[in-house]
C-alpha atoms as a PDB file:
ATOM      1  CA  MET A   1     -43.056 214.870 132.448  1.00  0.00           C
ATOM      2  CA  PHE A   2     -46.404 216.577 133.081  1.00  0.00           C
ATOM      3  CA  LYS A   3     -48.808 216.945 130.289  1.00  0.00           C
ATOM      4  CA  LEU A   4     -50.289 220.346 130.555  1.00  0.00           C
ATOM      5  CA  SER A   5     -53.415 221.693 128.938  1.00  0.00           C
ATOM      6  CA  VAL A   6     -52.307 225.360 128.762  1.00  0.00           C
ATOM      7  CA  VAL A   7     -54.410 228.456 128.261  1.00  0.00           C
ATOM      8  CA  VAL A   8     -51.852 231.130 126.839  1.00  0.00           C
ATOM      9  CA  ILE A   9     -52.409 234.821 126.514  1.00  0.00           C
ATOM     10  CA  VAL A  10     -50.641 235.678 123.424  1.00  0.00           C
ATOM     11  CA  VAL A  11     -49.196 239.119 123.138  1.00  0.00           C
ATOM     12  CA  ALA A  12     -48.224 241.215 120.099  1.00  0.00           C
ATOM     13  CA  THR A  13     -44.802 240.538 118.606  1.00  0.00           C
ATOM     14  CA  LEU A  14     -42.563 243.213 119.987  1.00  0.00           C
ATOM     15  CA  GLY A  15     -39.843 242.920 117.610  1.00  0.00           C
ATOM     16  CA  PHE A  16     -37.124 243.876 120.182  1.00  0.00           C
ATOM     17  CA  ALA A  17     -34.730 241.057 119.029  1.00  0.00           C
ATOM     18  CA  GLU A  18     -31.472 242.628 120.509  1.00  0.00           C
ATOM     19  CA  ALA A  19     -30.796 241.992 124.040  1.00  0.00           C
ATOM     20  CA  LYS A  20     -29.132 245.356 124.247  1.00  0.00           C
ATOM     21  CA  THR A  21     -32.145 247.455 123.350  1.00  0.00           C
ATOM     22  CA  PHE A  22     -34.893 244.947 124.455  1.00  0.00           C
ATOM     23  CA  CYS A  23     -35.335 246.123 128.042  1.00  0.00           C
ATOM     24  CA  THR A  24     -35.322 249.833 127.219  1.00  0.00           C
ATOM     25  CA  ARG A  25     -37.877 249.463 124.525  1.00  0.00           C
ATOM     26  CA  PHE A  26     -40.022 246.988 126.354  1.00  0.00           C
ATOM     27  CA  LEU A  27     -40.334 248.962 129.554  1.00  0.00           C
ATOM     28  CA  LYS A  28     -41.057 252.284 127.688  1.00  0.00           C
ATOM     29  CA  LYS A  29     -44.032 250.391 126.273  1.00  0.00           C
ATOM     30  CA  TRP A  30     -44.975 248.311 129.372  1.00  0.00           C
ATOM     31  CA  PRO A  31     -47.818 250.560 130.560  1.00  0.00           C
ATOM     32  CA  GLU A  32     -49.317 250.561 127.120  1.00  0.00           C
ATOM     33  CA  LEU A  33     -48.849 246.957 126.530  1.00  0.00           C
ATOM     34  CA  GLN A  34     -50.405 245.970 129.879  1.00  0.00           C
ATOM     35  CA  ARG A  35     -53.666 247.649 128.538  1.00  0.00           C
ATOM     36  CA  ILE A  36     -53.704 246.003 125.234  1.00  0.00           C
ATOM     37  CA  TYR A  37     -51.571 242.804 125.380  1.00  0.00           C
ATOM     38  CA  THR A  38     -54.608 240.414 124.794  1.00  0.00           C
ATOM     39  CA  ILE A  39     -54.769 239.708 121.162  1.00  0.00           C
ATOM     40  CA  TRP A  40     -56.456 236.152 121.365  1.00  0.00           C
ATOM     41  CA  LEU A  41     -56.475 233.170 123.549  1.00  0.00           C
ATOM     42  CA  TYR A  42     -55.844 229.735 122.461  1.00  0.00           C
ATOM     43  CA  HIS A  43     -55.709 226.330 124.018  1.00  0.00           C
ATOM     44  CA  SER A  44     -52.786 223.972 123.207  1.00  0.00           C
ATOM     45  CA  ASN A  45     -51.630 220.664 124.664  1.00  0.00           C
ATOM     46  CA  TRP A  46     -47.772 220.910 125.214  1.00  0.00           C
ATOM     47  CA  SER A  47     -45.597 218.652 127.218  1.00  0.00           C
ATOM     48  CA  TYR A  48     -43.197 220.289 129.754  1.00  0.00           C
ATOM     49  CA  ASN A  49     -40.948 219.192 132.488  1.00  0.00           C
ATOM     50  CA  ILE A  50     -41.778 220.684 135.955  1.00  0.00           C
ATOM     51  CA  ALA A  51     -38.837 220.241 138.312  1.00  0.00           C
ATOM     52  CA  ALA A  52     -39.809 219.696 141.975  1.00  0.00           C
ATOM     53  CA  THR A  53     -38.459 218.428 145.201  1.00  0.00           C
ATOM     54  CA  VAL A  54     -40.462 216.089 147.572  1.00  0.00           C
ATOM     55  CA  CYS A  55     -39.655 216.035 151.174  1.00  0.00           C
ATOM     56  CA  VAL A  56     -41.560 213.847 153.904  1.00  0.00           C
ATOM     57  CA  PRO A  57     -40.941 213.446 157.586  1.00  0.00           C
ATOM     58  CA  ASP A  58     -39.718 210.413 159.415  1.00  0.00           C
ATOM     59  CA  GLN A  59     -42.837 208.356 159.719  1.00  0.00           C
ATOM     60  CA  SER A  60     -41.848 206.987 163.200  1.00  0.00           C
ATOM     61  CA  THR A  61     -41.947 210.349 164.632  1.00  0.00           C
ATOM     62  CA  HIS A  62     -44.455 212.377 162.561  1.00  0.00           C
ATOM     63  CA  SER A  63     -47.052 210.025 161.178  1.00  0.00           C
ATOM     64  CA  ASN A  64     -50.014 212.041 162.045  1.00  0.00           C
ATOM     65  CA  ARG A  65     -49.272 214.954 159.897  1.00  0.00           C
ATOM     66  CA  SER A  66     -47.369 213.392 156.925  1.00  0.00           C
ATOM     67  CA  ASP A  67     -50.514 212.977 154.824  1.00  0.00           C
ATOM     68  CA  SER A  68     -50.922 216.930 154.896  1.00  0.00           C
ATOM     69  CA  TRP A  69     -48.819 218.437 152.001  1.00  0.00           C
ATOM     70  CA  GLN A  70     -47.685 222.054 151.480  1.00  0.00           C
ATOM     71  CA  PHE A  71     -47.237 222.887 147.885  1.00  0.00           C
ATOM     72  CA  LEU A  72     -44.542 225.470 147.708  1.00  0.00           C
ATOM     73  CA  THR A  73     -44.402 228.105 144.889  1.00  0.00           C
ATOM     74  CA  HIS A  74     -41.618 230.628 144.746  1.00  0.00           C
ATOM     75  CA  GLY A  75     -41.744 234.085 143.558  1.00  0.00           C
ATOM     76  CA  ILE A  76     -39.997 236.048 140.808  1.00  0.00           C
ATOM     77  CA  GLY A  77     -36.159 236.115 140.615  1.00  0.00           C
ATOM     78  CA  TYR A  78     -35.683 232.833 142.485  1.00  0.00           C
ATOM     79  CA  ASP A  79     -36.239 229.003 142.203  1.00  0.00           C
ATOM     80  CA  ARG A  80     -37.542 226.258 144.389  1.00  0.00           C
ATOM     81  CA  ALA A  81     -34.247 226.357 146.461  1.00  0.00           C
ATOM     82  CA  TYR A  82     -35.824 229.568 148.037  1.00  0.00           C
ATOM     83  CA  TRP A  83     -37.668 227.206 150.492  1.00  0.00           C
ATOM     84  CA  ASP A  84     -34.634 225.181 151.428  1.00  0.00           C
ATOM     85  CA  LEU A  85     -31.602 227.447 151.280  1.00  0.00           C
ATOM     86  CA  PRO A  86     -28.185 225.887 152.061  1.00  0.00           C
ATOM     87  CA  PHE A  87     -27.104 229.285 153.153  1.00  0.00           C
ATOM     88  CA  ASN A  88     -25.767 229.580 156.681  1.00  0.00           C
ATOM     89  CA  ASN A  89     -26.106 225.711 157.262  1.00  0.00           C
ATOM     90  CA  HIS A  90     -29.808 225.778 156.268  1.00  0.00           C
ATOM     91  CA  ASN A  91     -30.626 228.270 158.879  1.00  0.00           C
ATOM     92  CA  TYR A  92     -33.235 230.093 156.793  1.00  0.00           C
ATOM     93  CA  SER A  93     -34.876 226.637 155.510  1.00  0.00           C
ATOM     94  CA  TYR A  94     -38.587 226.659 155.474  1.00  0.00           C
ATOM     95  CA  VAL A  95     -38.618 223.036 154.410  1.00  0.00           C
ATOM     96  CA  ASP A  96     -36.585 221.986 157.601  1.00  0.00           C
ATOM     97  CA  VAL A  97     -39.146 223.662 159.886  1.00  0.00           C
ATOM     98  CA  ALA A  98     -42.166 222.357 158.143  1.00  0.00           C
ATOM     99  CA  VAL A  99     -40.912 218.786 157.670  1.00  0.00           C
ATOM    100  CA  ASP A 100     -38.493 218.083 160.648  1.00  0.00           C
ATOM    101  CA  ARG A 101     -40.135 220.136 163.248  1.00  0.00           C
ATOM    102  CA  TYR A 102     -43.943 219.965 162.514  1.00  0.00           C
ATOM    103  CA  GLY A 103     -44.203 216.797 160.424  1.00  0.00           C
ATOM    104  CA  TYR A 104     -45.760 218.159 157.113  1.00  0.00           C
ATOM    105  CA  SER A 105     -44.902 216.918 153.713  1.00  0.00           C
ATOM    106  CA  THR A 106     -43.698 219.431 151.140  1.00  0.00           C
ATOM    107  CA  LEU A 107     -43.699 219.720 147.328  1.00  0.00           C
ATOM    108  CA  ALA A 108     -41.645 222.556 145.898  1.00  0.00           C
ATOM    109  CA  ILE A 109     -41.678 223.113 142.251  1.00  0.00           C
ATOM    110  CA  ASP A 110     -39.532 225.333 139.874  1.00  0.00           C
ATOM    111  CA  ARG A 111     -42.086 227.357 138.041  1.00  0.00           C
ATOM    112  CA  LEU A 112     -42.476 226.781 134.277  1.00  0.00           C
ATOM    113  CA  GLY A 113     -39.719 228.619 132.669  1.00  0.00           C
ATOM    114  CA  VAL A 114     -37.527 228.861 135.836  1.00  0.00           C
ATOM    115  CA  GLY A 115     -34.402 226.819 137.247  1.00  0.00           C
ATOM    116  CA  GLU A 116     -34.639 223.177 136.010  1.00  0.00           C
ATOM    117  CA  SER A 117     -38.110 223.288 134.665  1.00  0.00           C
ATOM    118  CA  SER A 118     -38.591 223.636 131.016  1.00  0.00           C
ATOM    119  CA  LYS A 119     -37.786 226.859 129.131  1.00  0.00           C
ATOM    120  CA  ALA A 120     -40.061 228.322 126.511  1.00  0.00           C
ATOM    121  CA  ASP A 121     -40.621 231.477 124.707  1.00  0.00           C
ATOM    122  CA  PRO A 122     -40.456 234.283 127.333  1.00  0.00           C
ATOM    123  CA  THR A 123     -42.906 236.542 125.736  1.00  0.00           C
ATOM    124  CA  SER A 124     -45.798 234.401 124.388  1.00  0.00           C
ATOM    125  CA  VAL A 125     -45.526 231.254 126.487  1.00  0.00           C
ATOM    126  CA  ILE A 126     -44.021 231.948 129.997  1.00  0.00           C
ATOM    127  CA  GLN A 127     -46.949 234.006 131.336  1.00  0.00           C
ATOM    128  CA  ALA A 128     -49.073 233.741 134.413  1.00  0.00           C
ATOM    129  CA  PRO A 129     -51.808 231.764 132.860  1.00  0.00           C
ATOM    130  CA  ALA A 130     -49.395 229.080 131.546  1.00  0.00           C
ATOM    131  CA  GLU A 131     -47.732 228.833 135.061  1.00  0.00           C
ATOM    132  CA  LEU A 132     -50.956 228.520 136.723  1.00  0.00           C
ATOM    133  CA  SER A 133     -51.878 225.635 134.424  1.00  0.00           C
ATOM    134  CA  ALA A 134     -48.738 223.963 135.323  1.00  0.00           C
ATOM    135  CA  ILE A 135     -49.416 224.285 138.964  1.00  0.00           C
ATOM    136  CA  VAL A 136     -53.038 222.911 138.437  1.00  0.00           C
ATOM    137  CA  GLU A 137     -51.713 219.897 136.617  1.00  0.00           C
ATOM    138  CA  VAL A 138     -48.925 219.168 139.234  1.00  0.00           C
ATOM    139  CA  THR A 139     -51.586 219.584 142.019  1.00  0.00           C
ATOM    140  CA  LYS A 140     -53.911 217.127 140.461  1.00  0.00           C
ATOM    141  CA  GLN A 141     -51.321 214.449 140.123  1.00  0.00           C
ATOM    142  CA  LEU A 142     -50.300 215.150 143.872  1.00  0.00           C
ATOM    143  CA  ARG A 143     -53.853 214.703 145.176  1.00  0.00           C
ATOM    144  CA  ALA A 144     -54.224 211.666 143.082  1.00  0.00           C
ATOM    145  CA  GLY A 145     -51.022 210.036 144.204  1.00  0.00           C
ATOM    146  CA  THR A 146     -49.650 209.817 140.743  1.00  0.00           C
ATOM    147  CA  LEU A 147     -46.537 212.183 140.744  1.00  0.00           C
ATOM    148  CA  SER A 148     -44.065 210.839 138.280  1.00  0.00           C
ATOM    149  CA  GLY A 149     -41.135 209.148 139.853  1.00  0.00           C
ATOM    150  CA  VAL A 150     -42.492 209.425 143.498  1.00  0.00           C
ATOM    151  CA  ASN A 151     -44.218 206.707 145.356  1.00  0.00           C
ATOM    152  CA  ILE A 152     -46.703 208.512 147.495  1.00  0.00           C
ATOM    153  CA  PRO A 153     -50.235 207.725 148.771  1.00  0.00           C
ATOM    154  CA  LYS A 154     -52.980 210.130 148.186  1.00  0.00           C
ATOM    155  CA  PRO A 155     -52.656 213.171 150.570  1.00  0.00           C
ATOM    156  CA  ASN A 156     -55.472 214.053 153.129  1.00  0.00           C
ATOM    157  CA  LYS A 157     -55.030 217.768 152.541  1.00  0.00           C
ATOM    158  CA  VAL A 158     -52.947 219.971 150.188  1.00  0.00           C
ATOM    159  CA  VAL A 159     -52.164 223.687 151.314  1.00  0.00           C
ATOM    160  CA  HIS A 160     -50.690 226.009 148.692  1.00  0.00           C
ATOM    161  CA  VAL A 161     -47.984 228.114 150.068  1.00  0.00           C
ATOM    162  CA  GLY A 162     -46.586 231.058 147.888  1.00  0.00           C
ATOM    163  CA  HIS A 163     -44.166 233.798 147.939  1.00  0.00           C
ATOM    164  CA  SER A 164     -44.893 237.042 146.106  1.00  0.00           C
ATOM    165  CA  PHE A 165     -45.668 236.008 142.450  1.00  0.00           C
ATOM    166  CA  GLY A 166     -45.976 232.328 143.874  1.00  0.00           C
ATOM    167  CA  SER A 167     -48.674 233.783 146.202  1.00  0.00           C
ATOM    168  CA  ILE A 168     -50.434 235.409 143.210  1.00  0.00           C
ATOM    169  CA  LEU A 169     -50.522 232.157 141.381  1.00  0.00           C
ATOM    170  CA  SER A 170     -51.805 230.195 144.624  1.00  0.00           C
ATOM    171  CA  TYR A 171     -54.518 232.729 144.999  1.00  0.00           C
ATOM    172  CA  GLU A 172     -55.526 232.495 141.262  1.00  0.00           C
ATOM    173  CA  LEU A 173     -55.681 228.674 141.718  1.00  0.00           C
ATOM    174  CA  ALA A 174     -58.043 229.096 144.656  1.00  0.00           C
ATOM    175  CA  SER A 175     -60.263 231.338 142.672  1.00  0.00           C
ATOM    176  CA  ALA A 176     -60.236 229.296 139.478  1.00  0.00           C
ATOM    177  CA  HIS A 177     -60.016 225.767 141.128  1.00  0.00           C
ATOM    178  CA  PRO A 178     -61.318 226.068 144.649  1.00  0.00           C
ATOM    179  CA  ASN A 179     -61.502 222.401 144.899  1.00  0.00           C
ATOM    180  CA  LEU A 180     -57.934 221.623 144.452  1.00  0.00           C
ATOM    181  CA  THR A 181     -56.726 223.374 147.498  1.00  0.00           C
ATOM    182  CA  ASP A 182     -57.626 222.993 151.259  1.00  0.00           C
ATOM    183  CA  GLY A 183     -55.835 226.255 152.506  1.00  0.00           C
ATOM    184  CA  LEU A 184     -53.662 229.089 151.452  1.00  0.00           C
ATOM    185  CA  ILE A 185     -50.488 230.511 153.024  1.00  0.00           C
ATOM    186  CA  LEU A 186     -49.601 233.822 151.031  1.00  0.00           C
ATOM    187  CA  GLN A 187     -46.310 235.346 151.998  1.00  0.00           C
ATOM    188  CA  GLY A 188     -45.489 238.871 150.491  1.00  0.00           C
ATOM    189  CA  PHE A 189     -48.963 239.417 148.958  1.00  0.00           C
ATOM    190  CA  SER A 190     -51.950 241.738 148.729  1.00  0.00           C
ATOM    191  CA  ILE A 191     -54.418 242.494 145.955  1.00  0.00           C
ATOM    192  CA  ASP A 192     -53.122 245.987 145.734  1.00  0.00           C
ATOM    193  CA  GLY A 193     -50.652 246.229 142.846  1.00  0.00           C
ATOM    194  CA  SER A 194     -50.377 250.020 142.756  1.00  0.00           C
ATOM    195  CA  SER A 195     -46.791 250.007 143.893  1.00  0.00           C
ATOM    196  CA  LEU A 196     -45.630 247.558 141.320  1.00  0.00           C
ATOM    197  CA  PRO A 197     -44.374 250.166 138.724  1.00  0.00           C
ATOM    198  CA  GLN A 198     -41.975 251.790 141.221  1.00  0.00           C
ATOM    199  CA  THR A 199     -40.680 248.360 141.947  1.00  0.00           C
ATOM    200  CA  ILE A 200     -39.937 247.587 138.264  1.00  0.00           C
ATOM    201  CA  ALA A 201     -38.409 250.970 137.980  1.00  0.00           C
ATOM    202  CA  GLY A 202     -36.222 250.136 140.934  1.00  0.00           C
ATOM    203  CA  PHE A 203     -35.146 246.922 139.286  1.00  0.00           C
ATOM    204  CA  ASN A 204     -33.388 248.934 136.485  1.00  0.00           C
ATOM    205  CA  ILE A 205     -34.094 245.744 134.426  1.00  0.00           C
ATOM    206  CA  GLN A 206     -31.449 244.222 132.027  1.00  0.00           C
ATOM    207  CA  SER A 207     -31.606 241.143 129.990  1.00  0.00           C
ATOM    208  CA  ALA A 208     -30.404 238.230 132.044  1.00  0.00           C
ATOM    209  CA  SER A 209     -28.065 237.163 129.183  1.00  0.00           C
ATOM    210  CA  THR A 210     -26.012 240.441 129.317  1.00  0.00           C
ATOM    211  CA  ASN A 211     -26.263 240.890 133.202  1.00  0.00           C
ATOM    212  CA  GLN A 212     -24.863 237.408 133.876  1.00  0.00           C
ATOM    213  CA  PRO A 213     -23.551 236.094 130.620  1.00  0.00           C
ATOM    214  CA  TYR A 214     -21.512 233.308 132.417  1.00  0.00           C
ATOM    215  CA  LYS A 215     -24.831 231.893 133.678  1.00  0.00           C
ATOM    216  CA  PHE A 216     -27.531 233.080 131.253  1.00  0.00           C
ATOM    217  CA  GLY A 217     -25.600 233.932 128.113  1.00  0.00           C
ATOM    218  CA  PRO A 218     -24.267 231.967 125.254  1.00  0.00           C
ATOM    219  CA  PRO A 219     -21.895 229.149 125.736  1.00  0.00           C
ATOM    220  CA  SER A 220     -19.079 230.676 123.909  1.00  0.00           C
ATOM    221  CA  ALA A 221     -15.805 230.927 125.551  1.00  0.00           C
ATOM    222  CA  SER A 222     -17.057 228.756 128.373  1.00  0.00           C
ATOM    223  CA  SER A 223     -13.698 228.224 129.909  1.00  0.00           C
ATOM    224  CA  ILE A 224     -12.858 231.889 130.217  1.00  0.00           C
ATOM    225  CA  LEU A 225     -16.323 232.579 131.615  1.00  0.00           C
ATOM    226  CA  GLY A 226     -15.994 229.851 134.032  1.00  0.00           C
ATOM    227  CA  SER A 227     -12.720 231.189 135.338  1.00  0.00           C
ATOM    228  CA  LEU A 228     -14.185 234.652 135.703  1.00  0.00           C
ATOM    229  CA  CYS A 229     -17.170 233.376 137.374  1.00  0.00           C
ATOM    230  CA  SER A 230     -15.171 231.421 139.920  1.00  0.00           C
ATOM    231  CA  GLN A 231     -13.017 234.476 140.679  1.00  0.00           C
ATOM    232  CA  TYR A 232     -16.153 236.514 141.013  1.00  0.00           C
ATOM    233  CA  GLN A 233     -17.875 234.049 143.315  1.00  0.00           C
ATOM    234  CA  ASN A 234     -14.832 233.678 145.672  1.00  0.00           C
ATOM    235  CA  ALA A 235     -14.735 237.332 146.007  1.00  0.00           C
ATOM    236  CA  LEU A 236     -18.358 237.324 146.879  1.00  0.00           C
ATOM    237  CA  LYS A 237     -17.626 234.537 149.525  1.00  0.00           C
ATOM    238  CA  ASN A 238     -15.061 236.555 151.084  1.00  0.00           C
ATOM    239  CA  ILE A 239     -17.378 239.519 151.372  1.00  0.00           C
ATOM    240  CA  GLY A 240     -20.106 237.529 152.845  1.00  0.00           C
ATOM    241  CA  SER A 241     -17.605 235.917 155.476  1.00  0.00           C
ATOM    242  CA  PHE A 242     -16.645 239.379 156.460  1.00  0.00           C
ATOM    243  CA  TYR A 243     -20.211 240.279 157.335  1.00  0.00           C
ATOM    244  CA  SER A 244     -21.280 236.802 158.658  1.00  0.00           C
ATOM    245  CA  ALA A 245     -18.941 234.385 159.966  1.00  0.00           C
ATOM    246  CA  GLY A 246     -19.603 230.865 158.806  1.00  0.00           C
ATOM    247  CA  SER A 247     -21.790 231.917 155.839  1.00  0.00           C
ATOM    248  CA  ASN A 248     -22.282 229.443 153.122  1.00  0.00           C
ATOM    249  CA  HIS A 249     -22.346 230.692 149.438  1.00  0.00           C
ATOM    250  CA  ASP A 250     -23.006 227.394 147.557  1.00  0.00           C
ATOM    251  CA  THR A 251     -24.011 228.607 144.224  1.00  0.00           C
ATOM    252  CA  GLY A 252     -24.200 225.264 142.408  1.00  0.00           C
ATOM    253  CA  LYS A 253     -22.830 224.401 138.941  1.00  0.00           C
ATOM    254  CA  ILE A 254     -22.479 227.172 136.448  1.00  0.00           C
ATOM    255  CA  TYR A 255     -23.412 226.735 132.925  1.00  0.00           C
ATOM    256  CA  ALA A 256     -24.498 229.015 130.109  1.00  0.00           C
ATOM    257  CA  GLN A 257     -28.043 228.630 129.466  1.00  0.00           C
ATOM    258  CA  ASN A 258     -28.242 230.906 126.236  1.00  0.00           C
ATOM    259  CA  LEU A 259     -31.477 232.639 127.150  1.00  0.00           C
ATOM    260  CA  PRO A 260     -33.235 234.925 124.724  1.00  0.00           C
ATOM    261  CA  ALA A 261     -33.611 238.688 125.333  1.00  0.00           C
ATOM    262  CA  GLY A 262     -37.050 238.287 126.883  1.00  0.00           C
ATOM    263  CA  TYR A 263     -35.558 236.644 130.143  1.00  0.00           C
ATOM    264  CA  LEU A 264     -34.894 239.523 132.371  1.00  0.00           C
ATOM    265  CA  THR A 265     -33.300 240.305 135.693  1.00  0.00           C
ATOM    266  CA  TRP A 266     -32.700 243.189 138.040  1.00  0.00           C
ATOM    267  CA  ALA A 267     -29.489 245.166 137.462  1.00  0.00           C
ATOM    268  CA  ASN A 268     -27.534 244.554 140.632  1.00  0.00           C
ATOM    269  CA  LEU A 269     -27.326 243.935 144.386  1.00  0.00           C
ATOM    270  CA  ALA A 270     -28.737 247.372 145.198  1.00  0.00           C
ATOM    271  CA  ALA A 271     -31.693 246.775 142.947  1.00  0.00           C
ATOM    272  CA  ASN A 272     -32.191 243.361 144.682  1.00  0.00           C
ATOM    273  CA  GLN A 273     -31.997 245.003 148.155  1.00  0.00           C
ATOM    274  CA  PHE A 274     -34.656 247.675 147.259  1.00  0.00           C
ATOM    275  CA  ALA A 275     -37.261 245.259 146.104  1.00  0.00           C
ATOM    276  CA  PHE A 276     -36.811 242.441 148.668  1.00  0.00           C
ATOM    277  CA  LEU A 277     -34.545 243.363 151.699  1.00  0.00           C
ATOM    278  CA  ALA A 278     -35.416 246.346 154.077  1.00  0.00           C
ATOM    279  CA  PRO A 279     -32.260 247.108 156.265  1.00  0.00           C
ATOM    280  CA  PRO A 280     -31.379 246.531 159.126  1.00  0.00           C
ATOM    281  CA  TYR A 281     -33.766 243.482 159.233  1.00  0.00           C
ATOM    282  CA  TYR A 282     -31.528 240.978 157.377  1.00  0.00           C
ATOM    283  CA  ASP A 283     -28.145 239.420 157.364  1.00  0.00           C
ATOM    284  CA  PRO A 284     -26.019 241.471 154.785  1.00  0.00           C
ATOM    285  CA  ALA A 285     -24.351 238.262 153.617  1.00  0.00           C
ATOM    286  CA  ILE A 286     -27.670 236.737 152.438  1.00  0.00           C
ATOM    287  CA  ALA A 287     -28.028 239.670 149.991  1.00  0.00           C
ATOM    288  CA  GLU A 288     -24.776 238.622 148.482  1.00  0.00           C
ATOM    289  CA  TYR A 289     -25.940 235.074 148.281  1.00  0.00           C
ATOM    290  CA  ALA A 290     -29.342 236.052 146.681  1.00  0.00           C
ATOM    291  CA  GLU A 291     -27.624 238.049 143.924  1.00  0.00           C
ATOM    292  CA  THR A 292     -25.399 235.253 143.008  1.00  0.00           C
ATOM    293  CA  THR A 293     -28.143 232.619 142.922  1.00  0.00           C
ATOM    294  CA  LYS A 294     -30.873 234.827 141.217  1.00  0.00           C
ATOM    295  CA  GLU A 295     -33.021 233.404 138.410  1.00  0.00           C
ATOM    296  CA  PRO A 296     -34.518 235.414 135.530  1.00  0.00           C
ATOM    297  CA  PHE A 297     -38.158 236.399 135.208  1.00  0.00           C
ATOM    298  CA  THR A 298     -39.914 237.087 131.728  1.00  0.00           C
ATOM    299  CA  ALA A 299     -41.487 239.804 129.688  1.00  0.00           C
ATOM    300  CA  GLY A 300     -44.656 237.691 129.597  1.00  0.00           C
ATOM    301  CA  GLU A 301     -44.880 237.628 133.271  1.00  0.00           C
ATOM    302  CA  LEU A 302     -44.613 241.336 133.496  1.00  0.00           C
ATOM    303  CA  LEU A 303     -47.504 241.637 131.012  1.00  0.00           C
ATOM    304  CA  THR A 304     -49.685 239.320 132.841  1.00  0.00           C
ATOM    305  CA  LEU A 305     -49.107 240.122 136.611  1.00  0.00           C
ATOM    306  CA  GLY A 306     -52.187 242.192 136.658  1.00  0.00           C
ATOM    307  CA  ALA A 307     -54.437 239.158 135.605  1.00  0.00           C
ATOM    308  CA  GLN A 308     -55.229 238.068 139.053  1.00  0.00           C
ATOM    309  CA  PRO A 309     -58.897 238.027 140.169  1.00  0.00           C
ATOM    310  CA  SER A 310     -60.012 240.497 142.787  1.00  0.00           C
ATOM    311  CA  SER A 311     -61.615 237.689 144.797  1.00  0.00           C
ATOM    312  CA  ALA A 312     -62.019 234.032 145.189  1.00  0.00           C
ATOM    313  CA  PRO A 313     -65.755 233.762 146.379  1.00  0.00           C
ATOM    314  CA  ASP A 314     -65.902 229.944 145.853  1.00  0.00           C
ATOM    315  CA  PHE A 315     -62.986 229.214 148.091  1.00  0.00           C
ATOM    316  CA  THR A 316     -63.959 228.590 151.685  1.00  0.00           C
ATOM    317  CA  GLY A 317     -60.925 227.262 153.206  1.00  0.00           C
ATOM    318  CA  PRO A 318     -58.526 228.927 155.770  1.00  0.00           C
ATOM    319  CA  VAL A 319     -56.128 231.651 154.423  1.00  0.00           C
ATOM    320  CA  LEU A 320     -53.050 233.142 156.149  1.00  0.00           C
ATOM    321  CA  ILE A 321     -51.477 236.298 154.604  1.00  0.00           C
ATOM    322  CA  LEU A 322     -47.982 237.174 155.957  1.00  0.00           C
ATOM    323  CA  THR A 323     -46.620 240.393 154.447  1.00  0.00           C
ATOM    324  CA  GLY A 324     -43.711 242.397 155.831  1.00  0.00           C
ATOM    325  CA  ASN A 325     -44.326 245.962 156.965  1.00  0.00           C
ATOM    326  CA  GLU A 326     -41.874 247.292 154.383  1.00  0.00           C
ATOM    327  CA  ASP A 327     -42.885 245.258 151.564  1.00  0.00           C
ATOM    328  CA  GLU A 328     -42.084 247.315 148.508  1.00  0.00           C
ATOM    329  CA  ILE A 329     -43.939 245.375 145.837  1.00  0.00           C
ATOM    330  CA  PHE A 330     -47.372 245.117 147.439  1.00  0.00           C
ATOM    331  CA  CYS A 331     -47.234 248.027 150.061  1.00  0.00           C
ATOM    332  CA  GLY A 332     -44.735 250.585 148.464  1.00  0.00           C
ATOM    333  CA  GLY A 333     -42.410 250.208 151.444  1.00  0.00           C
ATOM    334  CA  ASP A 334     -44.941 250.925 154.054  1.00  0.00           C
ATOM    335  CA  CYS A 335     -47.828 248.471 154.787  1.00  0.00           C
ATOM    336  CA  SER A 336     -49.410 250.667 157.421  1.00  0.00           C
ATOM    337  CA  ARG A 337     -50.051 253.587 154.939  1.00  0.00           C
ATOM    338  CA  SER A 338     -53.532 254.453 153.902  1.00  0.00           C
ATOM    339  CA  GLY A 339     -54.731 252.521 151.023  1.00  0.00           C
ATOM    340  CA  ARG A 340     -57.491 250.193 149.646  1.00  0.00           C
ATOM    341  CA  ALA A 341     -59.767 249.050 152.383  1.00  0.00           C
ATOM    342  CA  ASP A 342     -59.974 245.444 150.885  1.00  0.00           C
ATOM    343  CA  VAL A 343     -56.170 244.700 150.851  1.00  0.00           C
END
């Protein structure tokens, strides 16, 4: 349990109570709400659980780097499993390479409101400032060697590694708290957000509870939903096996989370592919896997995506930015196009 001193940007009450109409009404007002969402700021001390996975190398073979930590923050639509996918026998595992091959220690979190971390109001609480506050507090505990339930010494260095929205939050941390990080690795990132509206449009956003009711909806008729879910997942496994022999679609335990309407997701596999996967540069089976294991994002996150600073002048550490040439969110599908000179 991490004690957070959270700065929350409070937005106007939208009044979109019904899941069936929330997305349409919210997205029609989204451009306007982005300009006027700040009603007031307030400080509040709340306690939240932040789920995390710690991985350290074998000390006998990697003793020289184990005190250098990578703090891993995932992007929108995923949880901390993004960094250590069981898909295809962990063939895409970032953690395996960082820990086993290069000897770094890693801490991968579920962002506030995602996965096994605490849920809260998806409009007025689960926003970028609150999620940044959570990352700040966990980083402080990591650097002090006081992480709950983990016996680790103080690290020598902590480098923050992000993907997409996780990169935005890592960048914001370096700007607001430059002494908390020794370096940044920003994957899928730029400070040019001009292509975000077309990505959001391509999502064809739906309420998570209606898009995947067996996972995000109410717990009613759980036995029927569980049976349907099992059949659906088995079908996806067969599709995945057709495209990629030996693919592993371990989707974990399915349980209804009963999320309110402000928890959102993209509509389907095609929307997922449009935003994150550029053919033919990926295994088609991993697209099926990503769709079955996706996590929701929130209305509050969409309202505060543009809150990132344009620079981090007080941070003097090393920075690595790695963005795919066809990144849709930050490059509009073509990172070589003419754009802002400071991207």
